[in-house]
Amino acid sequence: MKAEIIAVGTELLLGQIVNTNAQYLSRELAALGIDVYYQTVVGDNLERIQDALRLSSSRADIVLLSGGLGPTQDDLTKDALAAFLGRTLHIDRMAMDAIERFFRERGTPMTENNRRQALAIEGGTPLPNETGLAVGNAVSSDDVHYIVLPGPPKELMPMFEQQAKPWLMQHVLTHEQPIYSKMLKFAGIGESSLDERLQDLITAQTDPTIALYAKEGEVTVRISTKAPSESEAMDKLDGLEAKIRERASAFMYASEDVPIEKVIVDLMADRGWTLSAAESCTGGLVMESLTSVPGSATMFRGGVVCYTNEMKEKLVHVPHGLLEGEGAPGAVSREVAEVLAEHVRMITDSDFGLSVTGVAGPGYAERKPVGLVYIGLAERGKETEVHELHLQGNRETIRIRATKALLYRLWRRLMAARGES
């Protein structure tokens, strides 16, 4: 079963908004065992929307349209689909009642153009909008199934989940096996290096399948299979996961779609371990990553953004001789990273102390190149480790990659402390 997604809206073509709906719909369709081969973006133009429909209906079993259901004259999605199918449009009474009630309860006059949001296509199934006003539609014609959804994600997502998905299950997917997937998460290794380690599995893949996705500082491997039941699917996926783990166990931090900071927070909270951090070039990004995870208050004691040499001295007690003067290694150095990690740990009486100092750019600092970063990791009663990084990218990318590198090293240290490697 093949699907195509058509996103309607000139604002998408102009880059004024990001098409997050296509990402959501592709993921949800894949989970239903439906393959998405094409995604199209078309402006608010009747003829061009019909052109997109003509092409998509020639190569897809299911066509999903998002956007263009509002009250204005350039909201043309239903008009275009109805004309393409040779169907008429009519007012859906339940949708119209909901729209009239909305304005009545707010004491606001309803303009006549709001009636357009209640339009439904002849012979189709109206899809109620629980979070907005524009009704959706599901209609079949010549063995192609069309689903019309609103553009705002807060309306599209619940409509798809509560209305469109059940319609697909009842009318279209009566004999399809669902797709089951597992997301394996990796850090401390690049996409190309991980791909090389898994090359034999990727080359030989049939079922389950393997797909790699890279983000800044991490890689996700999705393994997927079709099966009549979840238990049968998990048997196949668990076997493939074990083979992947054999090849990259030092980098695989989770077998579910979670960020490494959540794994760290959960692990430290479970063990009663505490953490603090001193950051320079990352400007608090390490601390922000950790404290964004629910439950981090049980393990994160605090930290400091010591951006200037003065703050490194005053707040974290870095010796002046390390920072400035003849022969001083400078703020961007292995020595300062070590002192920052050790001192912030002692000041907060934490089990672990983190540090990061470097040159994020855009220019040199202390005559040191952009991308030179030192990360430190101190542990109570253990030797402090410092790693020198040479990172590529712009200022934002370097800050993210430094943060992810430090979190990866912390995860490795925690696994070692827990007796795993």
Protein backbone atom coordinates (compact mmCIF):
# COMPACT_ATOMS: atom_id res chain seq x y z
CA MET A 1 0.00 0.00 0.00
CA LYS A 2 1.53 3.29 -1.18
CA ALA A 3 0.69 6.79 0.02
CA GLU A 4 1.50 10.32 -1.05
CA ILE A 5 1.29 13.49 1.03
CA ILE A 6 0.27 16.80 -0.53
CA ALA A 7 0.83 19.84 1.67
CA VAL A 8 -1.15 22.85 0.48
CA GLY A 9 -0.07 26.38 1.30
CA THR A 10 1.87 29.15 -0.40
CA GLU A 11 3.44 29.96 2.99
CA LEU A 12 5.21 26.58 2.83
CA LEU A 13 6.70 27.39 -0.58
CA LEU A 14 7.87 30.77 0.68
CA GLY A 15 9.60 29.17 3.66
CA GLN A 16 7.49 31.10 6.14
CA ILE A 17 6.58 27.92 8.03
CA VAL A 18 8.14 24.46 8.24
CA ASN A 19 6.23 21.44 6.97
CA THR A 20 6.22 19.40 10.17
CA ASN A 21 2.93 17.76 9.16
CA ALA A 22 4.63 15.67 6.47
CA GLN A 23 7.12 14.33 9.00
CA TYR A 24 4.35 13.39 11.41
CA LEU A 25 2.14 11.78 8.75
CA SER A 26 5.02 9.81 7.23
CA ARG A 27 5.91 8.39 10.62
CA GLU A 28 2.30 7.49 11.41
CA LEU A 29 1.70 5.91 8.02
CA ALA A 30 4.87 3.84 8.30
CA ALA A 31 3.61 2.49 11.61
CA LEU A 32 0.46 1.32 9.79
CA GLY A 33 2.49 -0.50 7.15
CA ILE A 34 1.91 2.16 4.48
CA ASP A 35 4.88 3.24 2.38
CA VAL A 36 5.22 6.97 1.59
CA TYR A 37 7.08 7.37 -1.70
CA TYR A 38 6.41 11.04 -2.45
CA GLN A 39 5.73 14.29 -0.62
CA THR A 40 4.50 17.31 -2.57
CA VAL A 41 4.10 20.96 -1.59
CA VAL A 42 1.76 23.10 -3.69
CA GLY A 43 0.59 26.69 -3.35
CA ASP A 44 -2.95 27.99 -2.88
CA ASN A 45 -3.96 27.65 -6.52
CA LEU A 46 -6.93 25.60 -7.75
CA GLU A 47 -5.36 24.37 -10.98
CA ARG A 48 -2.01 23.49 -9.42
CA ILE A 49 -3.66 21.56 -6.59
CA GLN A 50 -5.61 19.56 -9.18
CA ASP A 51 -2.38 18.93 -11.10
CA ALA A 52 -0.82 17.55 -7.91
CA LEU A 53 -3.89 15.36 -7.35
CA ARG A 54 -3.75 14.05 -10.92
CA LEU A 55 -0.13 12.98 -10.49
CA SER A 56 -0.49 11.54 -7.00
CA SER A 57 -3.60 9.50 -7.87
CA SER A 58 -1.68 7.86 -10.71
CA ARG A 59 1.00 6.45 -8.37
CA ALA A 60 -0.50 6.14 -4.88
CA ASP A 61 -3.29 4.16 -3.23
CA ILE A 62 -3.78 6.76 -0.51
CA VAL A 63 -3.45 10.53 -0.91
CA LEU A 64 -3.37 12.75 2.16
CA LEU A 65 -3.85 16.49 1.79
CA SER A 66 -3.07 18.93 4.58
CA GLY A 67 -3.95 22.61 4.73
CA GLY A 68 -6.24 24.89 2.77
CA LEU A 69 -9.42 24.18 4.76
CA GLY A 70 -9.91 27.63 6.30
CA PRO A 71 -12.58 30.26 5.67
CA THR A 72 -10.82 32.48 3.12
CA GLN A 73 -11.01 32.46 -0.66
CA ASP A 74 -7.49 31.02 -1.00
CA ASP A 75 -8.41 27.93 1.10
CA LEU A 76 -9.09 25.75 -1.93
CA THR A 77 -8.20 22.17 -1.02
CA LYS A 78 -11.75 20.82 -0.80
CA ASP A 79 -12.78 22.77 -3.90
CA ALA A 80 -9.88 21.30 -5.86
CA LEU A 81 -10.48 17.72 -4.72
CA ALA A 82 -14.22 17.91 -5.35
CA ALA A 83 -13.66 19.29 -8.85
CA PHE A 84 -10.98 16.66 -9.56
CA LEU A 85 -13.35 13.85 -8.53
CA GLY A 86 -16.38 15.38 -10.21
CA ARG A 87 -18.18 15.64 -6.88
CA THR A 88 -20.19 18.44 -5.31
CA LEU A 89 -19.59 20.20 -1.98
CA HIS A 90 -22.24 20.55 0.69
CA ILE A 91 -22.47 21.92 4.23
CA ASP A 92 -22.02 19.23 6.87
CA ARG A 93 -24.67 19.98 9.46
CA MET A 94 -22.72 18.73 12.50
CA ALA A 95 -19.67 20.78 11.53
CA MET A 96 -21.82 23.86 10.92
CA ASP A 97 -23.50 23.47 14.31
CA ALA A 98 -20.07 23.31 15.97
CA ILE A 99 -18.89 26.45 14.16
CA GLU A 100 -22.04 28.42 15.05
CA ARG A 101 -21.77 27.29 18.67
CA PHE A 102 -18.13 28.41 18.78
CA PHE A 103 -19.00 31.98 17.81
CA ARG A 104 -22.16 32.08 19.90
CA GLU A 105 -20.38 31.03 23.10
CA ARG A 106 -17.77 33.73 22.57
CA GLY A 107 -20.32 36.41 21.78
CA THR A 108 -18.63 37.11 18.44
CA PRO A 109 -20.55 37.58 15.16
CA MET A 110 -19.85 34.80 12.66
CA THR A 111 -18.89 36.04 9.22
CA GLU A 112 -20.44 34.23 6.27
CA ASN A 113 -17.12 32.92 4.96
CA ASN A 114 -16.81 30.65 8.04
CA ARG A 115 -19.42 28.40 6.40
CA ARG A 116 -16.64 27.22 4.09
CA GLN A 117 -15.03 25.41 7.02
CA ALA A 118 -18.09 23.14 7.21
CA LEU A 119 -17.90 22.03 3.58
CA ALA A 120 -17.82 18.28 2.93
CA ILE A 121 -17.35 16.32 -0.31
CA GLU A 122 -20.26 14.38 -1.77
CA GLY A 123 -20.07 10.68 -0.96
CA GLY A 124 -17.29 11.13 1.56
CA THR A 125 -17.02 10.82 5.32
CA PRO A 126 -16.69 14.10 7.28
CA LEU A 127 -13.90 13.98 9.86
CA PRO A 128 -14.84 16.06 12.94
CA ASN A 129 -12.28 18.60 14.15
CA GLU A 130 -11.99 18.36 17.94
CA THR A 131 -9.49 21.22 18.29
CA GLY A 132 -10.51 23.61 15.50
CA LEU A 133 -13.33 24.55 13.17
CA ALA A 134 -12.54 23.14 9.72
CA VAL A 135 -14.02 19.69 9.16
CA GLY A 136 -11.84 17.10 7.40
CA ASN A 137 -12.89 14.59 4.76
CA ALA A 138 -12.23 11.01 3.72
CA VAL A 139 -13.43 9.85 0.33
CA SER A 140 -12.67 6.99 -2.08
CA SER A 141 -12.81 7.04 -5.87
CA ASP A 142 -11.50 4.58 -8.48
CA ASP A 143 -9.57 2.57 -5.85
CA VAL A 144 -7.74 5.66 -4.57
CA HIS A 145 -8.47 6.90 -1.06
CA TYR A 146 -8.24 10.60 -0.22
CA ILE A 147 -7.96 12.10 3.26
CA VAL A 148 -8.24 15.86 3.75
CA LEU A 149 -6.76 17.28 6.97
CA PRO A 150 -6.37 20.83 8.37
CA GLY A 151 -3.00 22.57 8.24
CA PRO A 152 -2.35 23.57 11.89
CA PRO A 153 -0.52 20.65 13.57
CA LYS A 154 -2.62 21.02 16.74
CA GLU A 155 -5.68 20.23 14.58
CA LEU A 156 -4.12 17.78 12.11
CA MET A 157 -2.55 15.42 14.64
CA PRO A 158 -5.65 14.72 16.76
CA MET A 159 -7.83 14.47 13.63
CA PHE A 160 -5.51 11.91 12.09
CA GLU A 161 -5.27 9.90 15.30
CA GLN A 162 -8.93 10.01 16.26
CA GLN A 163 -10.66 10.14 12.87
CA ALA A 164 -8.47 9.38 9.86
CA LYS A 165 -6.60 6.40 11.27
CA PRO A 166 -9.77 4.52 12.29
CA TRP A 167 -11.23 5.27 8.84
CA LEU A 168 -8.14 3.81 7.17
CA MET A 169 -8.25 0.70 9.36
CA GLN A 170 -11.95 0.13 8.59
CA HIS A 171 -12.04 0.96 4.89
CA VAL A 172 -8.54 0.48 3.49
CA LEU A 173 -6.17 -1.57 5.62
CA THR A 174 -8.35 -4.62 6.13
CA HIS A 175 -5.62 -7.06 4.97
CA GLU A 176 -2.42 -5.12 5.68
CA GLN A 177 0.11 -6.24 8.27
CA PRO A 178 1.31 -3.40 10.51
CA ILE A 179 4.94 -2.31 10.64
CA TYR A 180 6.75 -2.67 13.97
CA SER A 181 9.95 -0.76 14.62
CA LYS A 182 12.65 -0.27 17.22
CA MET A 183 14.85 2.81 17.46
CA LEU A 184 18.45 2.16 18.48
CA LYS A 185 20.32 5.27 19.63
CA PHE A 186 24.05 5.86 19.28
CA ALA A 187 26.45 8.59 20.42
CA GLY A 188 30.18 9.11 20.13
CA ILE A 189 30.24 7.76 16.57
CA GLY A 190 29.45 9.33 13.20
CA GLU A 191 26.94 8.05 10.69
CA SER A 192 29.56 6.91 8.19
CA SER A 193 31.57 5.03 10.82
CA LEU A 194 28.47 3.30 12.16
CA ASP A 195 27.37 2.47 8.61
CA GLU A 196 30.72 0.80 8.01
CA ARG A 197 30.38 -1.33 11.15
CA LEU A 198 26.92 -2.45 10.07
CA GLN A 199 27.68 -2.78 6.35
CA ASP A 200 27.27 -6.57 6.17
CA LEU A 201 23.88 -6.39 7.89
CA ILE A 202 22.73 -3.50 5.69
CA THR A 203 23.84 -5.23 2.48
CA ALA A 204 22.10 -8.48 3.40
CA GLN A 205 18.92 -6.91 4.78
CA THR A 206 15.55 -8.19 3.60
CA ASP A 207 13.33 -8.43 6.65
CA PRO A 208 13.81 -6.74 9.09
CA THR A 209 15.11 -3.60 7.39
CA ILE A 210 17.76 -1.18 8.67
CA ALA A 211 17.82 2.60 8.21
CA LEU A 212 20.31 5.14 9.63
CA TYR A 213 19.45 8.74 10.51
CA ALA A 214 22.03 11.28 11.69
CA LYS A 215 21.55 14.33 13.89
CA GLU A 216 24.15 16.56 15.48
CA GLY A 217 26.19 14.39 17.82
CA GLU A 218 24.07 11.24 17.56
CA VAL A 219 22.83 8.58 15.15
CA THR A 220 19.55 6.68 15.15
CA VAL A 221 19.16 3.23 13.62
CA ARG A 222 15.60 2.20 12.91
CA ILE A 223 14.96 -1.51 12.44
CA SER A 224 11.53 -2.45 11.10
CA THR A 225 9.50 -5.48 10.15
CA LYS A 226 5.96 -6.41 9.14
CA ALA A 227 4.31 -9.12 11.19
CA PRO A 228 0.81 -10.30 12.14
CA SER A 229 1.49 -9.72 15.84
CA GLU A 230 3.76 -7.67 18.05
CA SER A 231 5.30 -10.74 19.68
CA GLU A 232 6.36 -12.17 16.31
CA ALA A 233 7.76 -8.82 15.26
CA MET A 234 9.76 -8.40 18.47
CA ASP A 235 11.33 -11.84 18.04
CA LYS A 236 12.76 -10.74 14.69
CA LEU A 237 13.72 -7.25 15.84
CA ASP A 238 15.41 -8.46 19.03
CA GLY A 239 17.57 -10.84 17.01
CA LEU A 240 18.74 -8.07 14.68
CA GLU A 241 19.31 -5.70 17.60
CA ALA A 242 21.63 -8.25 19.19
CA LYS A 243 23.74 -8.40 16.01
CA ILE A 244 23.93 -4.61 15.82
CA ARG A 245 24.86 -4.36 19.48
CA GLU A 246 27.73 -6.81 18.93
CA ARG A 247 29.25 -4.44 16.38
CA ALA A 248 28.77 -1.15 18.25
CA SER A 249 28.05 -1.78 21.91
CA ALA A 250 30.41 1.00 23.05
CA PHE A 251 28.22 3.58 21.31
CA MET A 252 24.67 2.25 21.67
CA TYR A 253 23.11 3.95 24.65
CA ALA A 254 19.43 3.03 24.20
CA SER A 255 17.06 0.72 22.31
CA GLU A 256 14.25 3.26 22.32
CA ASP A 257 13.85 6.75 20.88
CA VAL A 258 15.19 8.82 23.78
CA PRO A 259 18.03 11.38 23.96
CA ILE A 260 21.21 10.45 25.78
CA GLU A 261 20.53 13.05 28.49
CA LYS A 262 17.40 11.16 29.55
CA VAL A 263 19.36 7.92 29.83
CA ILE A 264 21.94 9.74 31.97
CA VAL A 265 19.36 11.36 34.25
CA ASP A 266 17.46 8.10 34.76
CA LEU A 267 20.63 6.13 35.45
CA MET A 268 22.03 8.66 37.93
CA ALA A 269 18.71 9.14 39.71
CA ASP A 270 18.31 5.38 40.05
CA ARG A 271 21.77 5.07 41.60
CA GLY A 272 21.53 8.19 43.74
CA TRP A 273 24.48 9.81 41.98
CA THR A 274 24.78 13.61 41.75
CA LEU A 275 26.26 15.89 39.13
CA SER A 276 27.40 19.48 38.61
CA ALA A 277 28.90 21.36 35.68
CA ALA A 278 31.09 24.33 34.78
CA GLU A 279 30.67 25.57 31.21
CA SER A 280 32.44 28.18 29.16
CA CYS A 281 31.96 28.05 25.38
CA THR A 282 28.73 26.01 25.54
CA GLY A 283 27.11 28.73 27.64
CA GLY A 284 24.96 26.40 29.75
CA LEU A 285 23.86 24.04 26.99
CA VAL A 286 25.04 20.96 28.92
CA MET A 287 23.05 22.00 31.98
CA GLU A 288 20.03 22.92 29.86
CA SER A 289 20.09 19.48 28.20
CA LEU A 290 20.12 17.68 31.53
CA THR A 291 17.61 19.86 33.35
CA SER A 292 15.12 19.61 30.47
CA VAL A 293 14.59 15.97 31.49
CA PRO A 294 11.89 15.35 34.12
CA GLY A 295 13.46 14.00 37.30
CA SER A 296 16.77 15.80 36.84
CA ALA A 297 16.29 17.62 40.16
CA THR A 298 17.18 14.38 41.95
CA MET A 299 20.64 14.19 40.37
CA PHE A 300 21.68 17.69 39.21
CA ARG A 301 23.01 19.88 42.01
CA GLY A 302 23.92 22.97 40.05
CA GLY A 303 26.58 24.61 37.99
CA VAL A 304 28.02 27.78 36.59
CA VAL A 305 28.52 29.41 33.21
CA CYS A 306 31.99 30.86 33.68
CA TYR A 307 32.43 32.57 30.35
CA THR A 308 35.20 35.01 31.24
CA ASN A 309 38.50 34.38 32.94
CA GLU A 310 37.35 36.56 35.81
CA MET A 311 34.35 34.29 36.46
CA LYS A 312 36.50 31.18 36.15
CA GLU A 313 38.68 32.57 38.94
CA LYS A 314 35.97 33.99 41.19
CA LEU A 315 33.32 31.27 40.90
CA VAL A 316 35.28 28.07 40.24
CA HIS A 317 38.63 29.11 41.75
CA VAL A 318 40.77 28.44 38.69
CA PRO A 319 44.32 29.69 39.48
CA HIS A 320 45.16 32.94 37.72
CA GLY A 321 48.46 31.46 36.59
CA LEU A 322 46.63 28.91 34.44
CA LEU A 323 44.57 31.54 32.69
CA GLU A 324 46.87 34.47 32.04
CA GLY A 325 50.52 35.42 32.08
CA GLU A 326 53.69 34.24 30.43
CA GLY A 327 53.62 30.49 29.92
CA ALA A 328 49.99 30.13 30.97
CA PRO A 329 48.15 27.40 29.06
CA GLY A 330 45.12 29.70 28.86
CA ALA A 331 41.41 29.20 29.37
CA VAL A 332 41.17 26.87 26.38
CA SER A 333 43.43 24.14 27.65
CA ARG A 334 43.52 20.67 29.10
CA GLU A 335 44.69 22.06 32.43
CA VAL A 336 41.78 24.46 32.85
CA ALA A 337 39.22 21.85 31.78
CA GLU A 338 40.59 19.53 34.48
CA VAL A 339 40.47 22.18 37.22
CA LEU A 340 36.96 23.29 36.24
CA ALA A 341 35.60 19.75 36.47
CA GLU A 342 37.32 18.97 39.76
CA HIS A 343 36.51 22.27 41.46
CA VAL A 344 32.83 22.41 40.47
CA ARG A 345 32.45 18.87 41.77
CA MET A 346 34.06 19.78 45.10
CA ILE A 347 32.20 23.10 45.46
CA THR A 348 28.83 21.38 45.04
CA ASP A 349 29.91 18.13 46.76
CA SER A 350 28.71 16.12 43.75
CA ASP A 351 29.70 12.64 42.72
CA PHE A 352 30.55 13.84 39.21
CA GLY A 353 31.74 17.16 37.80
CA LEU A 354 31.67 18.19 34.15
CA SER A 355 33.50 20.95 32.33
CA VAL A 356 33.78 22.35 28.85
CA THR A 357 36.02 25.12 27.55
CA GLY A 358 36.88 25.93 23.97
CA VAL A 359 36.60 28.15 20.90
CA ALA A 360 33.13 28.07 19.33
CA GLY A 361 33.92 30.85 16.86
CA PRO A 362 33.55 32.64 14.64
CA GLY A 363 37.13 33.78 15.24
CA TYR A 364 40.26 32.58 17.03
CA ALA A 365 40.63 32.97 20.80
CA GLU A 366 43.97 32.92 22.61
CA ARG A 367 45.45 32.26 19.15
CA LYS A 368 43.67 28.91 19.19
CA PRO A 369 41.54 27.71 16.29
CA VAL A 370 37.77 27.54 16.06
CA GLY A 371 36.56 24.09 17.05
CA LEU A 372 39.28 23.36 19.61
CA VAL A 373 37.37 22.24 22.71
CA TYR A 374 38.38 20.50 25.92
CA ILE A 375 35.85 18.53 27.98
CA GLY A 376 36.54 17.36 31.51
CA LEU A 377 34.94 14.69 33.67
CA ALA A 378 35.74 14.37 37.37
CA GLU A 379 34.46 11.61 39.64
CA ARG A 380 34.68 11.39 43.40
CA GLY A 381 37.71 9.28 44.33
CA LYS A 382 38.75 8.66 40.71
CA GLU A 383 41.19 10.21 38.26
CA THR A 384 39.83 13.08 36.19
CA GLU A 385 39.71 12.56 32.45
CA VAL A 386 40.05 15.32 29.85
CA HIS A 387 39.41 14.94 26.13
CA GLU A 388 40.61 17.24 23.37
CA LEU A 389 38.11 17.75 20.55
CA HIS A 390 38.59 19.23 17.10
CA LEU A 391 35.07 20.05 15.94
CA GLN A 392 33.85 21.33 12.60
CA GLY A 393 30.92 23.62 11.84
CA ASN A 394 29.55 27.01 12.77
CA ARG A 395 29.24 28.37 16.29
CA GLU A 396 25.93 26.65 17.04
CA THR A 397 27.06 23.32 15.63
CA ILE A 398 30.29 23.33 17.65
CA ARG A 399 28.39 24.07 20.86
CA ILE A 400 25.95 21.22 20.22
CA ARG A 401 28.66 18.75 19.26
CA ALA A 402 30.75 19.63 22.30
CA THR A 403 27.70 19.09 24.53
CA LYS A 404 26.88 15.75 22.95
CA ALA A 405 30.52 14.62 23.18
CA LEU A 406 30.62 15.42 26.88
CA LEU A 407 27.33 13.65 27.55
CA TYR A 408 28.60 10.59 25.68
CA ARG A 409 31.77 10.50 27.79
CA LEU A 410 29.68 10.85 30.92
CA TRP A 411 27.46 7.95 29.83
CA ARG A 412 30.53 5.78 29.27
CA ARG A 413 31.86 6.71 32.72
CA LEU A 414 28.52 5.91 34.33
CA MET A 415 28.36 2.55 32.62
CA ALA A 416 31.86 1.78 33.88
CA ALA A 417 30.90 2.85 37.38
CA ARG A 418 27.90 0.54 37.16
CA GLY A 419 30.16 -2.31 36.17
CA GLU A 420 29.41 -2.28 32.42
CA SER A 421 31.60 -1.23 29.52
